[in-house]
Amino acid sequence: MEQNVGLCIFLIEAFTCQEMIKEFLVDCTVPDMSRFTAGLIGTAMQMVYKFEEQQIVSYLDNTNDFEQWIHQTQGSHILNERIRDS
């Protein structure tokens, strides 16, 4: 996992699903599986952080102009979504 950032991102995205969290962390019948799964997710998060650390720092530095930062990184369509939500 430490050599494959794409795999780490896939794992993190997979565990954004509520059913995956419930199955592997809450309702798991294998005693050490929850601990193992949490360790994998933690390792994946650390690896992605190392890979994206500079982007995260840039993002945090630009929080004063949050709306412009989102527009710059996500594209102009995001402003239309905000208007539609209002």
C-alpha atoms as a PDB file:
ATOM      1  CA  MET A   1       0.000   0.000   0.000  1.00  0.00           C
ATOM      2  CA  GLU A   2       2.829   2.408   0.726  1.00  0.00           C
ATOM      3  CA  GLN A   3       3.896   2.286  -2.931  1.00  0.00           C
ATOM      4  CA  ASN A   4       0.442   2.751  -4.500  1.00  0.00           C
ATOM      5  CA  VAL A   5      -1.356   6.021  -3.778  1.00  0.00           C
ATOM      6  CA  GLY A   6      -4.190   5.084  -6.137  1.00  0.00           C
ATOM      7  CA  LEU A   7      -4.946   1.997  -4.061  1.00  0.00           C
ATOM      8  CA  CYS A   8      -4.961   4.103  -0.895  1.00  0.00           C
ATOM      9  CA  ILE A   9      -7.413   6.567  -2.429  1.00  0.00           C
ATOM     10  CA  PHE A  10      -9.612   3.673  -3.588  1.00  0.00           C
ATOM     11  CA  LEU A  11      -9.676   2.205  -0.072  1.00  0.00           C
ATOM     12  CA  ILE A  12     -10.555   5.537   1.525  1.00  0.00           C
ATOM     13  CA  GLU A  13     -13.307   6.158  -1.023  1.00  0.00           C
ATOM     14  CA  ALA A  14     -14.672   2.636  -0.488  1.00  0.00           C
ATOM     15  CA  PHE A  15     -15.033   3.340   3.213  1.00  0.00           C
ATOM     16  CA  THR A  16     -17.129   6.434   2.610  1.00  0.00           C
ATOM     17  CA  CYS A  17     -19.980   3.970   2.042  1.00  0.00           C
ATOM     18  CA  GLN A  18     -21.982   3.479   5.232  1.00  0.00           C
ATOM     19  CA  GLU A  19     -22.538  -0.227   4.530  1.00  0.00           C
ATOM     20  CA  MET A  20     -18.791  -0.877   4.254  1.00  0.00           C
ATOM     21  CA  ILE A  21     -18.153   0.874   7.557  1.00  0.00           C
ATOM     22  CA  LYS A  22     -20.911  -1.101   9.226  1.00  0.00           C
ATOM     23  CA  GLU A  23     -19.781  -4.448   7.809  1.00  0.00           C
ATOM     24  CA  PHE A  24     -16.046  -4.119   8.469  1.00  0.00           C
ATOM     25  CA  LEU A  25     -15.912  -1.964  11.589  1.00  0.00           C
ATOM     26  CA  VAL A  26     -19.183  -2.302  13.499  1.00  0.00           C
ATOM     27  CA  ASP A  27     -20.818  -5.669  12.785  1.00  0.00           C
ATOM     28  CA  CYS A  28     -17.684  -7.695  12.012  1.00  0.00           C
ATOM     29  CA  THR A  29     -17.739 -11.146  13.652  1.00  0.00           C
ATOM     30  CA  VAL A  30     -13.970 -11.702  13.333  1.00  0.00           C
ATOM     31  CA  PRO A  31     -12.427 -10.153  16.479  1.00  0.00           C
ATOM     32  CA  ASP A  32      -9.281  -8.657  14.948  1.00  0.00           C
ATOM     33  CA  MET A  33     -10.777  -7.729  11.573  1.00  0.00           C
ATOM     34  CA  SER A  34     -12.014  -4.334  12.790  1.00  0.00           C
ATOM     35  CA  ARG A  35      -8.562  -3.489  14.136  1.00  0.00           C
ATOM     36  CA  PHE A  36      -6.896  -4.680  10.914  1.00  0.00           C
ATOM     37  CA  THR A  37      -9.343  -2.690   8.766  1.00  0.00           C
ATOM     38  CA  ALA A  38      -8.859   0.450  10.855  1.00  0.00           C
ATOM     39  CA  GLY A  39      -5.094   0.017  10.499  1.00  0.00           C
ATOM     40  CA  LEU A  40      -5.395  -0.261   6.716  1.00  0.00           C
ATOM     41  CA  ILE A  41      -7.543   2.861   6.541  1.00  0.00           C
ATOM     42  CA  GLY A  42      -5.121   4.736   8.805  1.00  0.00           C
ATOM     43  CA  THR A  43      -2.148   3.707   6.668  1.00  0.00           C
ATOM     44  CA  ALA A  44      -4.018   4.754   3.525  1.00  0.00           C
ATOM     45  CA  MET A  45      -4.848   8.153   5.020  1.00  0.00           C
ATOM     46  CA  GLN A  46      -1.214   8.729   6.023  1.00  0.00           C
ATOM     47  CA  MET A  47      -0.012   7.800   2.542  1.00  0.00           C
ATOM     48  CA  VAL A  48      -2.507  10.093   0.813  1.00  0.00           C
ATOM     49  CA  TYR A  49      -1.568  12.892   3.220  1.00  0.00           C
ATOM     50  CA  LYS A  50       2.130  12.504   2.335  1.00  0.00           C
ATOM     51  CA  PHE A  51       1.244  12.605  -1.348  1.00  0.00           C
ATOM     52  CA  GLU A  52      -1.127  15.592  -1.093  1.00  0.00           C
ATOM     53  CA  GLU A  53       0.481  17.486   1.780  1.00  0.00           C
ATOM     54  CA  GLN A  54       1.468  20.498  -0.321  1.00  0.00           C
ATOM     55  CA  GLN A  55      -2.033  20.808  -1.803  1.00  0.00           C
ATOM     56  CA  ILE A  56      -3.554  20.627   1.674  1.00  0.00           C
ATOM     57  CA  VAL A  57      -1.199  23.351   2.939  1.00  0.00           C
ATOM     58  CA  SER A  58      -2.056  25.525  -0.069  1.00  0.00           C
ATOM     59  CA  TYR A  59      -5.753  24.918   0.557  1.00  0.00           C
ATOM     60  CA  LEU A  60      -5.466  25.893   4.212  1.00  0.00           C
ATOM     61  CA  ASP A  61      -3.465  29.011   3.329  1.00  0.00           C
ATOM     62  CA  ASN A  62      -6.221  30.093   0.951  1.00  0.00           C
ATOM     63  CA  THR A  63      -9.141  29.646   3.337  1.00  0.00           C
ATOM     64  CA  ASN A  64      -9.638  33.414   3.498  1.00  0.00           C
ATOM     65  CA  ASP A  65     -10.735  33.327  -0.122  1.00  0.00           C
ATOM     66  CA  PHE A  66     -12.559  30.006   0.110  1.00  0.00           C
ATOM     67  CA  GLU A  67     -15.086  30.611  -2.655  1.00  0.00           C
ATOM     68  CA  GLN A  68     -12.431  31.614  -5.166  1.00  0.00           C
ATOM     69  CA  TRP A  69     -10.277  28.606  -4.217  1.00  0.00           C
ATOM     70  CA  ILE A  70     -13.179  26.224  -4.861  1.00  0.00           C
ATOM     71  CA  HIS A  71     -13.916  27.928  -8.168  1.00  0.00           C
ATOM     72  CA  GLN A  72     -10.252  27.659  -9.181  1.00  0.00           C
ATOM     73  CA  THR A  73      -9.869  23.991  -8.237  1.00  0.00           C
ATOM     74  CA  GLN A  74     -13.335  22.632  -9.083  1.00  0.00           C
ATOM     75  CA  GLY A  75     -14.216  24.704 -12.136  1.00  0.00           C
ATOM     76  CA  SER A  76     -16.848  27.282 -12.919  1.00  0.00           C
ATOM     77  CA  HIS A  77     -19.746  24.806 -12.759  1.00  0.00           C
ATOM     78  CA  ILE A  78     -19.517  24.806  -8.956  1.00  0.00           C
ATOM     79  CA  LEU A  79     -20.808  28.383  -8.807  1.00  0.00           C
ATOM     80  CA  ASN A  80     -23.925  27.349 -10.752  1.00  0.00           C
ATOM     81  CA  GLU A  81     -24.537  24.567  -8.233  1.00  0.00           C
ATOM     82  CA  ARG A  82     -24.382  27.070  -5.376  1.00  0.00           C
ATOM     83  CA  ILE A  83     -26.891  29.368  -7.071  1.00  0.00           C
ATOM     84  CA  ARG A  84     -29.243  26.437  -7.665  1.00  0.00           C
ATOM     85  CA  ASP A  85     -29.018  25.385  -3.988  1.00  0.00           C
ATOM     86  CA  SER A  86     -29.916  28.859  -2.717  1.00  0.00           C
END
